[in-house]
C-alpha atoms as a PDB file:
ATOM      1  CA  MET A   1     -26.719  -6.905  79.241  1.00  0.00           C
ATOM      2  CA  GLU A   2     -27.044  -4.991  76.157  1.00  0.00           C
ATOM      3  CA  GLN A   3     -25.569  -1.735  75.783  1.00  0.00           C
ATOM      4  CA  GLU A   4     -27.324   1.283  75.097  1.00  0.00           C
ATOM      5  CA  GLY A   5     -27.203   3.435  72.635  1.00  0.00           C
ATOM      6  CA  ARG A   6     -24.690   7.113  73.011  1.00  0.00           C
ATOM      7  CA  THR A   7     -25.989   9.854  71.124  1.00  0.00           C
ATOM      8  CA  VAL A   8     -22.906  12.228  69.817  1.00  0.00           C
ATOM      9  CA  GLN A   9     -23.844  15.620  69.051  1.00  0.00           C
ATOM     10  CA  ILE A  10     -21.342  17.934  67.198  1.00  0.00           C
ATOM     11  CA  THR A  11     -21.848  21.141  65.696  1.00  0.00           C
ATOM     12  CA  GLU A  12     -23.223  21.693  62.480  1.00  0.00           C
ATOM     13  CA  LYS A  13     -19.116  22.774  61.471  1.00  0.00           C
ATOM     14  CA  GLU A  14     -18.184  19.233  62.750  1.00  0.00           C
ATOM     15  CA  TRP A  15     -20.873  18.201  60.440  1.00  0.00           C
ATOM     16  CA  GLN A  16     -19.309  20.018  57.689  1.00  0.00           C
ATOM     17  CA  GLU A  17     -15.848  18.854  58.034  1.00  0.00           C
ATOM     18  CA  LEU A  18     -16.491  15.063  59.036  1.00  0.00           C
ATOM     19  CA  GLN A  19     -18.360  15.776  55.650  1.00  0.00           C
ATOM     20  CA  SER A  20     -15.892  17.236  53.874  1.00  0.00           C
ATOM     21  CA  LEU A  21     -13.306  14.155  55.088  1.00  0.00           C
ATOM     22  CA  LYS A  22     -15.928  11.568  53.361  1.00  0.00           C
ATOM     23  CA  LYS A  23     -16.179  13.160  49.930  1.00  0.00           C
ATOM     24  CA  GLU A  24     -11.907  13.448  50.356  1.00  0.00           C
ATOM     25  CA  GLN A  25     -11.890   9.224  50.700  1.00  0.00           C
ATOM     26  CA  GLU A  26     -14.301   9.104  47.847  1.00  0.00           C
ATOM     27  CA  GLU A  27     -12.114  10.840  45.841  1.00  0.00           C
ATOM     28  CA  ARG A  28      -9.532   9.136  46.749  1.00  0.00           C
ATOM     29  CA  GLU A  29     -10.880   5.559  46.927  1.00  0.00           C
ATOM     30  CA  LYS A  30     -11.951   5.819  43.019  1.00  0.00           C
ATOM     31  CA  ALA A  31      -9.276   7.629  41.915  1.00  0.00           C
ATOM     32  CA  GLN A  32      -7.385   4.619  43.214  1.00  0.00           C
ATOM     33  CA  LYS A  33     -10.299   2.503  41.627  1.00  0.00           C
ATOM     34  CA  ARG A  34      -9.365   4.194  38.149  1.00  0.00           C
ATOM     35  CA  LYS A  35      -5.548   4.307  38.287  1.00  0.00           C
ATOM     36  CA  GLU A  36      -6.033  -0.039  38.954  1.00  0.00           C
ATOM     37  CA  ASP A  37      -8.245   0.203  35.761  1.00  0.00           C
ATOM     38  CA  ARG A  38      -6.390   1.646  33.487  1.00  0.00           C
ATOM     39  CA  GLU A  39      -3.089  -0.475  35.037  1.00  0.00           C
ATOM     40  CA  ALA A  40      -5.661  -3.214  34.570  1.00  0.00           C
ATOM     41  CA  TYR A  41      -6.220  -1.945  30.789  1.00  0.00           C
ATOM     42  CA  ARG A  42      -2.441  -1.437  29.905  1.00  0.00           C
ATOM     43  CA  GLU A  43      -1.473  -5.554  30.952  1.00  0.00           C
ATOM     44  CA  LEU A  44      -5.054  -6.727  28.964  1.00  0.00           C
ATOM     45  CA  THR A  45      -3.577  -5.063  26.017  1.00  0.00           C
ATOM     46  CA  ALA A  46       0.050  -6.700  26.358  1.00  0.00           C
ATOM     47  CA  ASP A  47      -1.555  -9.845  26.818  1.00  0.00           C
ATOM     48  CA  ALA A  48      -3.511  -9.063  23.396  1.00  0.00           C
ATOM     49  CA  VAL A  49      -0.543  -8.206  20.765  1.00  0.00           C
ATOM     50  CA  THR A  50       1.276 -10.678  22.825  1.00  0.00           C
ATOM     51  CA  GLU A  51      -1.353 -13.203  21.655  1.00  0.00           C
ATOM     52  CA  GLY A  52      -2.566 -11.994  18.193  1.00  0.00           C
ATOM     53  CA  PHE A  53       1.065 -11.027  16.950  1.00  0.00           C
ATOM     54  CA  GLY A  54       1.740 -14.322  18.121  1.00  0.00           C
ATOM     55  CA  ALA A  55      -0.872 -15.483  15.807  1.00  0.00           C
ATOM     56  CA  LEU A  56      -0.116 -13.370  13.317  1.00  0.00           C
ATOM     57  CA  LYS A  57       3.034 -14.052  12.763  1.00  0.00           C
ATOM     58  CA  ALA A  58       2.538 -17.397  12.488  1.00  0.00           C
ATOM     59  CA  LEU A  59       0.417 -17.645   9.493  1.00  0.00           C
ATOM     60  CA  ASN A  60       2.589 -15.545   7.198  1.00  0.00           C
ATOM     61  CA  GLY A  61       4.856 -17.833   7.906  1.00  0.00           C
ATOM     62  CA  LEU A  62       2.636 -20.406   7.086  1.00  0.00           C
ATOM     63  CA  MET A  63       1.580 -18.280   4.488  1.00  0.00           C
ATOM     64  CA  ARG A  64       4.876 -17.520   3.151  1.00  0.00           C
ATOM     65  CA  GLU A  65       5.410 -21.143   2.671  1.00  0.00           C
ATOM     66  CA  THR A  66       2.049 -22.389   0.767  1.00  0.00           C
ATOM     67  CA  LYS A  67       3.405 -18.789  -1.783  1.00  0.00           C
ATOM     68  CA  LYS A  68       6.563 -20.400  -2.443  1.00  0.00           C
ATOM     69  CA  LYS A  69       4.821 -24.153  -2.551  1.00  0.00           C
ATOM     70  CA  VAL A  70       2.162 -22.844  -5.346  1.00  0.00           C
ATOM     71  CA  LEU A  71       4.727 -20.987  -6.734  1.00  0.00           C
ATOM     72  CA  ASP A  72       7.321 -24.222  -7.276  1.00  0.00           C
ATOM     73  CA  LEU A  73       4.251 -26.105  -9.088  1.00  0.00           C
ATOM     74  CA  PHE A  74       3.716 -23.003 -11.092  1.00  0.00           C
ATOM     75  CA  LEU A  75       7.040 -21.553 -12.608  1.00  0.00           C
ATOM     76  CA  PRO A  76       8.746 -24.520 -14.007  1.00  0.00           C
ATOM     77  CA  ILE A  77       4.959 -24.922 -15.687  1.00  0.00           C
ATOM     78  CA  ILE A  78       5.554 -20.878 -16.886  1.00  0.00           C
ATOM     79  CA  ARG A  79       9.229 -21.866 -18.431  1.00  0.00           C
ATOM     80  CA  MET A  80       7.136 -24.874 -19.927  1.00  0.00           C
ATOM     81  CA  ARG A  81       5.039 -22.496 -21.438  1.00  0.00           C
ATOM     82  CA  ASN A  82       7.151 -20.226 -22.720  1.00  0.00           C
ATOM     83  CA  GLU A  83       9.513 -22.893 -24.686  1.00  0.00           C
ATOM     84  CA  LEU A  84       6.767 -25.088 -26.063  1.00  0.00           C
ATOM     85  CA  PHE A  85       5.480 -21.452 -27.619  1.00  0.00           C
ATOM     86  CA  ASP A  86       8.168 -19.887 -28.396  1.00  0.00           C
ATOM     87  CA  VAL A  87       7.602 -17.162 -26.245  1.00  0.00           C
ATOM     88  CA  ASP A  88       9.989 -14.698 -23.991  1.00  0.00           C
ATOM     89  CA  SER A  89       9.121 -14.309 -20.253  1.00  0.00           C
ATOM     90  CA  LYS A  90       8.191 -10.516 -20.453  1.00  0.00           C
ATOM     91  CA  GLN A  91       4.084 -11.812 -19.963  1.00  0.00           C
ATOM     92  CA  GLY A  92       3.399  -9.918 -16.192  1.00  0.00           C
ATOM     93  CA  GLN A  93       0.425 -12.158 -15.516  1.00  0.00           C
ATOM     94  CA  TYR A  94      -0.886 -16.176 -16.014  1.00  0.00           C
ATOM     95  CA  THR A  95      -3.946 -17.631 -15.978  1.00  0.00           C
ATOM     96  CA  PHE A  96      -4.501 -21.840 -15.073  1.00  0.00           C
ATOM     97  CA  MET A  97      -7.685 -23.853 -14.627  1.00  0.00           C
ATOM     98  CA  ASN A  98      -8.555 -27.065 -13.028  1.00  0.00           C
ATOM     99  CA  ARG A  99     -10.591 -29.479 -15.113  1.00  0.00           C
ATOM    100  CA  GLU A 100     -13.318 -28.735 -15.165  1.00  0.00           C
ATOM    101  CA  CYS A 101     -12.748 -24.942 -15.078  1.00  0.00           C
ATOM    102  CA  THR A 102     -14.626 -23.848 -11.877  1.00  0.00           C
ATOM    103  CA  GLN A 103     -11.147 -22.603 -10.377  1.00  0.00           C
ATOM    104  CA  ARG A 104      -8.267 -20.885 -11.576  1.00  0.00           C
ATOM    105  CA  ILE A 105      -4.888 -19.461  -9.993  1.00  0.00           C
ATOM    106  CA  ILE A 106      -3.502 -16.435 -11.462  1.00  0.00           C
ATOM    107  CA  ILE A 107       0.218 -16.545 -10.857  1.00  0.00           C
ATOM    108  CA  GLY A 108       1.785 -12.628 -12.366  1.00  0.00           C
ATOM    109  CA  ARG A 109       4.224  -9.386 -11.249  1.00  0.00           C
ATOM    110  CA  TYR A 110       3.438  -5.829 -12.133  1.00  0.00           C
ATOM    111  CA  LYS A 111       6.825  -3.914 -14.129  1.00  0.00           C
ATOM    112  CA  LYS A 112       7.991  -1.599 -12.133  1.00  0.00           C
ATOM    113  CA  TYR A 113       9.927   1.972 -13.784  1.00  0.00           C
ATOM    114  CA  MET A 114      12.391   4.548 -12.244  1.00  0.00           C
ATOM    115  CA  HIS A 115      14.332   6.659 -14.558  1.00  0.00           C
ATOM    116  CA  ASP A 116      18.212   7.729 -13.120  1.00  0.00           C
ATOM    117  CA  SER A 117      19.825  10.888 -12.427  1.00  0.00           C
ATOM    118  CA  THR A 118      20.460  11.988 -16.969  1.00  0.00           C
ATOM    119  CA  ALA A 119      16.960  11.828 -17.357  1.00  0.00           C
ATOM    120  CA  GLU A 120      17.127  15.520 -15.621  1.00  0.00           C
ATOM    121  CA  LEU A 121      20.419  16.289 -18.661  1.00  0.00           C
ATOM    122  CA  GLY A 122      17.275  15.661 -20.802  1.00  0.00           C
ATOM    123  CA  ILE A 123      14.083  17.296 -19.386  1.00  0.00           C
ATOM    124  CA  SER A 124      16.255  20.115 -19.560  1.00  0.00           C
ATOM    125  CA  MET A 125      17.331  19.738 -23.380  1.00  0.00           C
ATOM    126  CA  VAL A 126      13.576  19.840 -23.777  1.00  0.00           C
ATOM    127  CA  LYS A 127      13.033  22.960 -21.952  1.00  0.00           C
ATOM    128  CA  GLY A 128      15.662  24.738 -23.225  1.00  0.00           C
ATOM    129  CA  TYR A 129      14.448  23.984 -27.112  1.00  0.00           C
ATOM    130  CA  LEU A 130      10.574  25.122 -25.900  1.00  0.00           C
ATOM    131  CA  GLU A 131      11.813  28.054 -24.778  1.00  0.00           C
ATOM    132  CA  THR A 132      13.221  29.311 -28.158  1.00  0.00           C
ATOM    133  CA  LEU A 133       9.527  28.722 -29.382  1.00  0.00           C
ATOM    134  CA  GLY A 134       6.941  31.257 -30.320  1.00  0.00           C
ATOM    135  CA  THR A 135       4.277  33.022 -27.904  1.00  0.00           C
ATOM    136  CA  ASP A 136       1.231  32.656 -30.281  1.00  0.00           C
ATOM    137  CA  ALA A 137      -2.046  30.223 -28.166  1.00  0.00           C
ATOM    138  CA  ASP A 138      -1.308  27.370 -30.448  1.00  0.00           C
ATOM    139  CA  THR A 139       2.781  27.590 -29.617  1.00  0.00           C
ATOM    140  CA  GLN A 140       1.775  27.888 -25.893  1.00  0.00           C
ATOM    141  CA  LYS A 141      -1.245  26.023 -26.236  1.00  0.00           C
ATOM    142  CA  LEU A 142       1.695  22.772 -27.582  1.00  0.00           C
ATOM    143  CA  VAL A 143       4.471  23.691 -24.888  1.00  0.00           C
ATOM    144  CA  ARG A 144       1.560  23.274 -22.277  1.00  0.00           C
ATOM    145  CA  ILE A 145       1.754  20.000 -23.298  1.00  0.00           C
ATOM    146  CA  ILE A 146       4.707  18.855 -23.385  1.00  0.00           C
ATOM    147  CA  LEU A 147       5.265  19.745 -20.100  1.00  0.00           C
ATOM    148  CA  ASP A 148       2.946  17.854 -18.674  1.00  0.00           C
ATOM    149  CA  LEU A 149       4.173  15.003 -20.338  1.00  0.00           C
ATOM    150  CA  LEU A 150       7.203  15.570 -18.702  1.00  0.00           C
ATOM    151  CA  SER A 151       5.937  16.026 -15.196  1.00  0.00           C
ATOM    152  CA  GLU A 152       6.968  13.742 -12.477  1.00  0.00           C
ATOM    153  CA  ASN A 153       2.961  11.974 -11.019  1.00  0.00           C
ATOM    154  CA  ALA A 154       2.424  11.423  -7.324  1.00  0.00           C
ATOM    155  CA  GLN A 155       5.814   9.380  -6.225  1.00  0.00           C
ATOM    156  CA  GLY A 156       8.164  11.692  -8.295  1.00  0.00           C
ATOM    157  CA  LYS A 157       8.930   9.279 -11.135  1.00  0.00           C
ATOM    158  CA  LEU A 158       8.478   9.745 -15.284  1.00  0.00           C
ATOM    159  CA  GLU A 159       5.268   7.872 -17.125  1.00  0.00           C
ATOM    160  CA  PRO A 160       6.618   5.521 -19.648  1.00  0.00           C
ATOM    161  CA  ASP A 161       3.797   5.598 -21.909  1.00  0.00           C
ATOM    162  CA  LYS A 162       3.876  10.518 -21.625  1.00  0.00           C
ATOM    163  CA  ILE A 163       7.592  10.107 -22.467  1.00  0.00           C
ATOM    164  CA  LEU A 164       6.860   7.919 -25.354  1.00  0.00           C
ATOM    165  CA  GLN A 165       4.475  10.559 -27.065  1.00  0.00           C
ATOM    166  CA  LEU A 166       7.455  12.046 -26.919  1.00  0.00           C
ATOM    167  CA  ASP A 167       8.652  10.762 -29.821  1.00  0.00           C
ATOM    168  CA  HIS A 168       6.086  12.116 -32.040  1.00  0.00           C
ATOM    169  CA  TYR A 169       6.216  15.439 -31.159  1.00  0.00           C
ATOM    170  CA  ALA A 170       9.861  15.444 -31.642  1.00  0.00           C
ATOM    171  CA  GLU A 171       9.356  14.051 -34.732  1.00  0.00           C
ATOM    172  CA  GLU A 172       6.809  16.836 -35.639  1.00  0.00           C
ATOM    173  CA  PHE A 173       9.566  19.132 -34.880  1.00  0.00           C
ATOM    174  CA  GLY A 174      12.508  18.494 -36.579  1.00  0.00           C
ATOM    175  CA  SER A 175      15.026  19.793 -33.671  1.00  0.00           C
ATOM    176  CA  GLU A 176      17.866  17.303 -33.255  1.00  0.00           C
ATOM    177  CA  GLU A 177      17.965  19.011 -29.210  1.00  0.00           C
ATOM    178  CA  PHE A 178      14.152  18.496 -28.937  1.00  0.00           C
ATOM    179  CA  ARG A 179      14.562  15.025 -29.829  1.00  0.00           C
ATOM    180  CA  GLU A 180      18.363  14.374 -28.213  1.00  0.00           C
ATOM    181  CA  GLY A 181      16.496  15.247 -25.254  1.00  0.00           C
ATOM    182  CA  VAL A 182      14.168  12.690 -25.765  1.00  0.00           C
ATOM    183  CA  SER A 183      16.552   9.579 -25.908  1.00  0.00           C
ATOM    184  CA  ILE A 184      18.311  11.215 -23.320  1.00  0.00           C
ATOM    185  CA  ILE A 185      14.683  10.862 -20.890  1.00  0.00           C
ATOM    186  CA  LYS A 186      14.208   8.067 -22.362  1.00  0.00           C
ATOM    187  CA  GLU A 187      17.864   6.009 -21.835  1.00  0.00           C
ATOM    188  CA  SER A 188      17.057   6.930 -18.063  1.00  0.00           C
ATOM    189  CA  LEU A 189      14.536   4.725 -17.474  1.00  0.00           C
ATOM    190  CA  ILE A 190      15.050   1.361 -15.926  1.00  0.00           C
ATOM    191  CA  PHE A 191      12.422  -1.184 -15.744  1.00  0.00           C
ATOM    192  CA  ASP A 192      11.800  -4.715 -13.558  1.00  0.00           C
ATOM    193  CA  TRP A 193       9.729  -6.880 -12.241  1.00  0.00           C
ATOM    194  CA  THR A 194       8.031  -7.199  -8.855  1.00  0.00           C
ATOM    195  CA  LYS A 195       7.815 -10.328  -6.908  1.00  0.00           C
ATOM    196  CA  TYR A 196       4.745 -12.271  -8.175  1.00  0.00           C
ATOM    197  CA  PHE A 197       1.895 -12.229  -6.454  1.00  0.00           C
ATOM    198  CA  LEU A 198      -0.559 -14.838  -6.722  1.00  0.00           C
ATOM    199  CA  ARG A 199      -5.154 -14.919  -7.172  1.00  0.00           C
ATOM    200  CA  ALA A 200      -7.062 -17.321  -7.022  1.00  0.00           C
ATOM    201  CA  GLU A 201     -11.258 -17.988  -7.691  1.00  0.00           C
ATOM    202  CA  GLU A 202     -13.332 -20.282  -8.021  1.00  0.00           C
ATOM    203  CA  LYS A 203     -16.963 -20.100  -9.963  1.00  0.00           C
ATOM    204  CA  ASP A 204     -20.119 -19.572  -7.388  1.00  0.00           C
ATOM    205  CA  ALA A 205     -23.723 -21.141  -8.387  1.00  0.00           C
ATOM    206  CA  ASP A 206     -24.100 -18.685 -10.826  1.00  0.00           C
ATOM    207  CA  GLY A 207     -21.334 -19.467 -12.721  1.00  0.00           C
ATOM    208  CA  ALA A 208     -19.276 -15.841 -11.616  1.00  0.00           C
ATOM    209  CA  TRP A 209     -16.009 -15.411 -10.352  1.00  0.00           C
ATOM    210  CA  LYS A 210     -15.391 -14.844  -6.507  1.00  0.00           C
ATOM    211  CA  ASN A 211     -12.390 -14.471  -5.692  1.00  0.00           C
ATOM    212  CA  ILE A 212     -10.665 -16.654  -2.697  1.00  0.00           C
ATOM    213  CA  PRO A 213      -8.889 -14.133   0.216  1.00  0.00           C
ATOM    214  CA  LEU A 214      -6.058 -14.296   0.288  1.00  0.00           C
ATOM    215  CA  THR A 215      -5.650 -11.829   2.772  1.00  0.00           C
ATOM    216  CA  MET A 216      -6.605  -9.863   6.385  1.00  0.00           C
ATOM    217  CA  ILE A 217      -8.471  -7.193   5.226  1.00  0.00           C
ATOM    218  CA  ASN A 218     -10.128  -9.525   2.908  1.00  0.00           C
ATOM    219  CA  VAL A 219     -11.580 -12.516   5.532  1.00  0.00           C
ATOM    220  CA  GLU A 220     -14.041 -12.211   6.846  1.00  0.00           C
END
């Protein structure tokens, strides 16, 4: 026997309360869903970092091994070259090509420099001398040029090529104080080599040299 549907009458106020409860329940469910989605996002991110980091670390190890292998091939050749042609090892870059001249490997290192604390003494001596010069326009223009040569670059370093230009002015002024100050600055410069870098290039169909990407940035 089928049961008859039962109709329940509620007031407008009760209806509004029911709708409010329903809306609150929906909001709670949405909030819970957003919370679960955020947690899922965090889990996905953490897993991706673990997997990706492992792959990148393995690649780093392979690149280090490959670089060492290539350097082990060419550094003895560079030493042989220096002995054969009676040259020193101050050259910063070497290029080697295959027999067909279609592939080449470039091995090099950059010369880095810094200056010790005695540079400040030399700079003070030069500036002290400049303060004794006249105030006419031409002299002050020259003073500004010299002060620019003594200025540090963005890395807080004196630039060797500018310091070498001071020699010219040291001779021009003929001041012992100026000359000694410049000598102290030059002596304060310390030069060294960076680690070796590698580049591999290959000729394309048009005969132009194309770089073989060896960094993640250039890999497409």
